[in-house]
């Protein structure tokens, strides 16, 4: 790929990311409007659509508290990973 082709590809990527952000904003607005209509209800029906908005409870380890209370044990279970960060500026 030439520098000119690469530049064009990056330009297209940036434009698609901009459109994606606009769509995410619109989606969030529509979801918020539906949630506002639902109020405290966990489920409603709108024509052919059933909409669920239920509480989900999860349990996770509080690593900050674990490191503070039992740092040696926490260190034994720490795992280092390497990732590559893709960024266009």
Protein backbone atom coordinates (compact mmCIF):
# COMPACT_ATOMS: atom_id res chain seq x y z
CA UNK A 1 0.00 0.00 0.00
CA UNK A 2 1.42 3.37 -0.97
CA UNK A 3 1.53 6.34 1.41
CA UNK A 4 -1.27 7.97 -0.59
CA UNK A 5 -3.44 4.83 -0.33
CA UNK A 6 -2.65 4.53 3.36
CA UNK A 7 -3.63 8.17 3.92
CA UNK A 8 -6.90 7.58 2.07
CA UNK A 9 -7.60 4.47 4.14
CA UNK A 10 -6.92 6.34 7.40
CA UNK A 11 -9.19 9.17 6.24
CA UNK A 12 -11.98 6.66 5.54
CA UNK A 13 -11.40 5.04 8.95
CA UNK A 14 -11.65 8.40 10.71
CA UNK A 15 -14.85 9.27 8.84
CA UNK A 16 -16.44 5.94 9.76
CA UNK A 17 -15.43 6.42 13.40
CA UNK A 18 -17.09 9.86 13.36
CA UNK A 19 -20.30 8.35 11.94
CA UNK A 20 -20.12 5.57 14.54
CA UNK A 21 -19.98 8.13 17.36
CA UNK A 22 -22.99 9.98 15.92
CA UNK A 23 -24.92 6.71 15.72
CA UNK A 24 -23.92 5.73 19.26
CA UNK A 25 -25.27 9.08 20.46
CA UNK A 26 -28.56 8.59 18.59
CA UNK A 27 -28.88 5.03 19.90
CA UNK A 28 -28.28 6.16 23.47
CA UNK A 29 -30.92 8.87 23.09
CA UNK A 30 -33.50 6.38 21.83
CA UNK A 31 -32.65 3.88 24.57
CA UNK A 32 -32.98 6.62 27.20
CA UNK A 33 -36.40 7.61 25.82
CA UNK A 34 -37.58 3.99 26.04
CA UNK A 35 -36.17 3.61 29.57
CA UNK A 36 -37.90 6.82 30.63
CA UNK A 37 -41.20 5.46 29.33
CA UNK A 38 -40.65 2.17 31.16
CA UNK A 39 -39.99 3.81 34.52
CA UNK A 40 -39.77 1.06 37.15
CA UNK A 41 -41.25 -1.63 34.90
CA UNK A 42 -38.89 -4.44 33.94
CA UNK A 43 -40.79 -5.38 30.80
CA UNK A 44 -43.19 -3.77 28.34
CA UNK A 45 -44.63 -4.67 24.97
CA UNK A 46 -44.71 -2.23 22.07
CA UNK A 47 -46.51 -3.84 19.16
CA UNK A 48 -44.33 -6.70 17.93
CA UNK A 49 -41.52 -5.83 20.37
CA UNK A 50 -40.99 -7.03 23.91
CA UNK A 51 -38.60 -4.76 25.79
CA UNK A 52 -36.79 -6.00 28.90
CA UNK A 53 -34.84 -3.75 31.26
CA UNK A 54 -34.01 -5.89 34.25
CA UNK A 55 -31.49 -5.54 37.05
CA UNK A 56 -28.52 -7.87 36.78
CA UNK A 57 -26.47 -8.71 39.86
CA UNK A 58 -22.84 -9.71 39.39
CA UNK A 59 -20.16 -10.70 41.85
CA UNK A 60 -16.54 -9.79 41.25
CA UNK A 61 -13.36 -9.74 43.25
CA UNK A 62 -12.49 -6.29 44.54
CA UNK A 63 -8.82 -6.37 43.57
CA UNK A 64 -8.11 -3.01 45.20
CA UNK A 65 -9.38 -4.25 48.57
CA UNK A 66 -7.60 -7.59 48.12
CA UNK A 67 -4.28 -5.88 47.38
CA UNK A 68 -4.75 -3.69 50.43
CA UNK A 69 -5.77 -6.48 52.83
CA UNK A 70 -3.61 -9.33 51.53
CA UNK A 71 -0.93 -7.90 49.22
CA UNK A 72 1.29 -11.01 49.18
CA UNK A 73 -1.60 -13.28 48.23
CA UNK A 74 -2.83 -10.80 45.62
CA UNK A 75 0.66 -10.66 44.08
CA UNK A 76 0.69 -14.45 43.73
CA UNK A 77 -2.36 -14.29 41.50
CA UNK A 78 -1.46 -11.27 39.38
CA UNK A 79 -0.97 -12.02 35.70
CA UNK A 80 0.82 -9.71 33.29
CA UNK A 81 -0.42 -9.51 29.72
CA UNK A 82 0.81 -7.59 26.71
CA UNK A 83 -1.48 -5.97 24.16
CA UNK A 84 -0.96 -3.67 21.23
CA UNK A 85 -2.82 -0.39 21.19
CA UNK A 86 -3.96 0.80 17.75
CA UNK A 87 -4.29 4.57 17.63
CA UNK A 88 -4.64 7.04 14.76
CA UNK A 89 -3.99 10.73 15.54
